[in-house]
Amino acid sequence: MSSKTIALRILEDVFIGFTTLLMLAVAGVPMDWLLGLVAMSMREFKEFALFILFAALLLIHTIATSDTAP
């Protein structure tokens, strides 16, 4: 596996994880344990999760569309 494939797999896992957490938080699943762990309010956590989602998507796009040397 190339480093590009490994990086994409890691970013995909990060994207899926934060997407799942964000969807659960928006759906109303109790997140008190997580909010206590990261010391954030629910609003701050949702904003942080959205930031991570968009950052992961941009990194995935950048890596997938980059030219690799032969």
C-alpha atoms as a PDB file:
ATOM      1  CA  MET A   1       0.000   0.000   0.000  1.00  0.00           C
ATOM      2  CA  SER A   2       1.227   3.443  -0.841  1.00  0.00           C
ATOM      3  CA  SER A   3       1.372   6.288   1.622  1.00  0.00           C
ATOM      4  CA  LYS A   4      -1.453   7.962  -0.309  1.00  0.00           C
ATOM      5  CA  THR A   5      -3.720   4.959   0.281  1.00  0.00           C
ATOM      6  CA  ILE A   6      -2.834   4.819   3.966  1.00  0.00           C
ATOM      7  CA  ALA A   7      -3.474   8.556   4.419  1.00  0.00           C
ATOM      8  CA  LEU A   8      -6.827   8.299   2.654  1.00  0.00           C
ATOM      9  CA  ARG A   9      -7.873   5.343   4.800  1.00  0.00           C
ATOM     10  CA  ILE A  10      -6.988   7.193   8.025  1.00  0.00           C
ATOM     11  CA  LEU A  11      -8.803  10.349   6.900  1.00  0.00           C
ATOM     12  CA  GLU A  12     -11.826   8.289   5.874  1.00  0.00           C
ATOM     13  CA  ASP A  13     -11.946   6.698   9.337  1.00  0.00           C
ATOM     14  CA  VAL A  14     -11.712  10.130  10.995  1.00  0.00           C
ATOM     15  CA  PHE A  15     -14.480  11.422   8.722  1.00  0.00           C
ATOM     16  CA  ILE A  16     -16.760   8.461   9.455  1.00  0.00           C
ATOM     17  CA  GLY A  17     -16.138   8.685  13.203  1.00  0.00           C
ATOM     18  CA  PHE A  18     -16.867  12.390  13.505  1.00  0.00           C
ATOM     19  CA  THR A  19     -19.838  12.124  11.137  1.00  0.00           C
ATOM     20  CA  THR A  20     -21.318   9.402  13.326  1.00  0.00           C
ATOM     21  CA  LEU A  21     -20.764  11.393  16.524  1.00  0.00           C
ATOM     22  CA  LEU A  22     -22.234  14.520  14.983  1.00  0.00           C
ATOM     23  CA  MET A  23     -25.310  12.682  13.713  1.00  0.00           C
ATOM     24  CA  LEU A  24     -25.858  11.098  17.122  1.00  0.00           C
ATOM     25  CA  ALA A  25     -25.520  14.469  18.840  1.00  0.00           C
ATOM     26  CA  VAL A  26     -27.942  16.125  16.426  1.00  0.00           C
ATOM     27  CA  ALA A  27     -30.382  13.211  16.857  1.00  0.00           C
ATOM     28  CA  GLY A  28     -30.464  13.889  20.593  1.00  0.00           C
ATOM     29  CA  VAL A  29     -28.480  10.968  21.961  1.00  0.00           C
ATOM     30  CA  PRO A  30     -27.114  11.908  25.410  1.00  0.00           C
ATOM     31  CA  MET A  31     -23.522  13.044  25.016  1.00  0.00           C
ATOM     32  CA  ASP A  32     -22.804  14.127  28.591  1.00  0.00           C
ATOM     33  CA  TRP A  33     -19.971  11.619  28.959  1.00  0.00           C
ATOM     34  CA  LEU A  34     -18.283  12.937  25.822  1.00  0.00           C
ATOM     35  CA  LEU A  35     -18.826  16.584  26.676  1.00  0.00           C
ATOM     36  CA  GLY A  36     -17.285  15.980  30.106  1.00  0.00           C
ATOM     37  CA  LEU A  37     -14.353  14.198  28.509  1.00  0.00           C
ATOM     38  CA  VAL A  38     -13.516  17.056  26.144  1.00  0.00           C
ATOM     39  CA  ALA A  39     -14.737  19.865  28.441  1.00  0.00           C
ATOM     40  CA  MET A  40     -16.919  21.495  25.783  1.00  0.00           C
ATOM     41  CA  SER A  41     -20.495  22.625  25.633  1.00  0.00           C
ATOM     42  CA  MET A  42     -22.797  20.912  23.133  1.00  0.00           C
ATOM     43  CA  ARG A  43     -22.647  23.927  20.810  1.00  0.00           C
ATOM     44  CA  GLU A  44     -18.835  23.980  20.905  1.00  0.00           C
ATOM     45  CA  PHE A  45     -18.697  20.238  20.268  1.00  0.00           C
ATOM     46  CA  LYS A  46     -21.009  20.474  17.236  1.00  0.00           C
ATOM     47  CA  GLU A  47     -18.939  23.330  15.800  1.00  0.00           C
ATOM     48  CA  PHE A  48     -15.715  21.373  16.413  1.00  0.00           C
ATOM     49  CA  ALA A  49     -17.174  18.262  14.795  1.00  0.00           C
ATOM     50  CA  LEU A  50     -18.282  20.251  11.746  1.00  0.00           C
ATOM     51  CA  PHE A  51     -14.799  21.755  11.467  1.00  0.00           C
ATOM     52  CA  ILE A  52     -13.195  18.298  11.592  1.00  0.00           C
ATOM     53  CA  LEU A  53     -15.681  16.986   9.007  1.00  0.00           C
ATOM     54  CA  PHE A  54     -14.945  19.735   6.507  1.00  0.00           C
ATOM     55  CA  ALA A  55     -11.203  19.568   7.143  1.00  0.00           C
ATOM     56  CA  ALA A  56     -11.179  15.801   6.587  1.00  0.00           C
ATOM     57  CA  LEU A  57     -13.216  16.167   3.391  1.00  0.00           C
ATOM     58  CA  LEU A  58     -10.851  18.829   2.065  1.00  0.00           C
ATOM     59  CA  LEU A  59      -7.795  16.715   2.898  1.00  0.00           C
ATOM     60  CA  ILE A  60      -9.356  13.638   1.268  1.00  0.00           C
ATOM     61  CA  HIS A  61     -10.105  15.680  -1.853  1.00  0.00           C
ATOM     62  CA  THR A  62      -6.611  17.176  -1.925  1.00  0.00           C
ATOM     63  CA  ILE A  63      -4.866  13.837  -1.556  1.00  0.00           C
ATOM     64  CA  ALA A  64      -7.150  12.035  -4.010  1.00  0.00           C
ATOM     65  CA  THR A  65      -6.689  14.659  -6.719  1.00  0.00           C
ATOM     66  CA  SER A  66      -2.954  15.194  -6.228  1.00  0.00           C
ATOM     67  CA  ASP A  67      -0.556  13.933  -8.854  1.00  0.00           C
ATOM     68  CA  THR A  68       1.866  11.301  -7.661  1.00  0.00           C
ATOM     69  CA  ALA A  69       5.323  10.834  -9.076  1.00  0.00           C
ATOM     70  CA  PRO A  70       5.801   7.572 -10.972  1.00  0.00           C
END
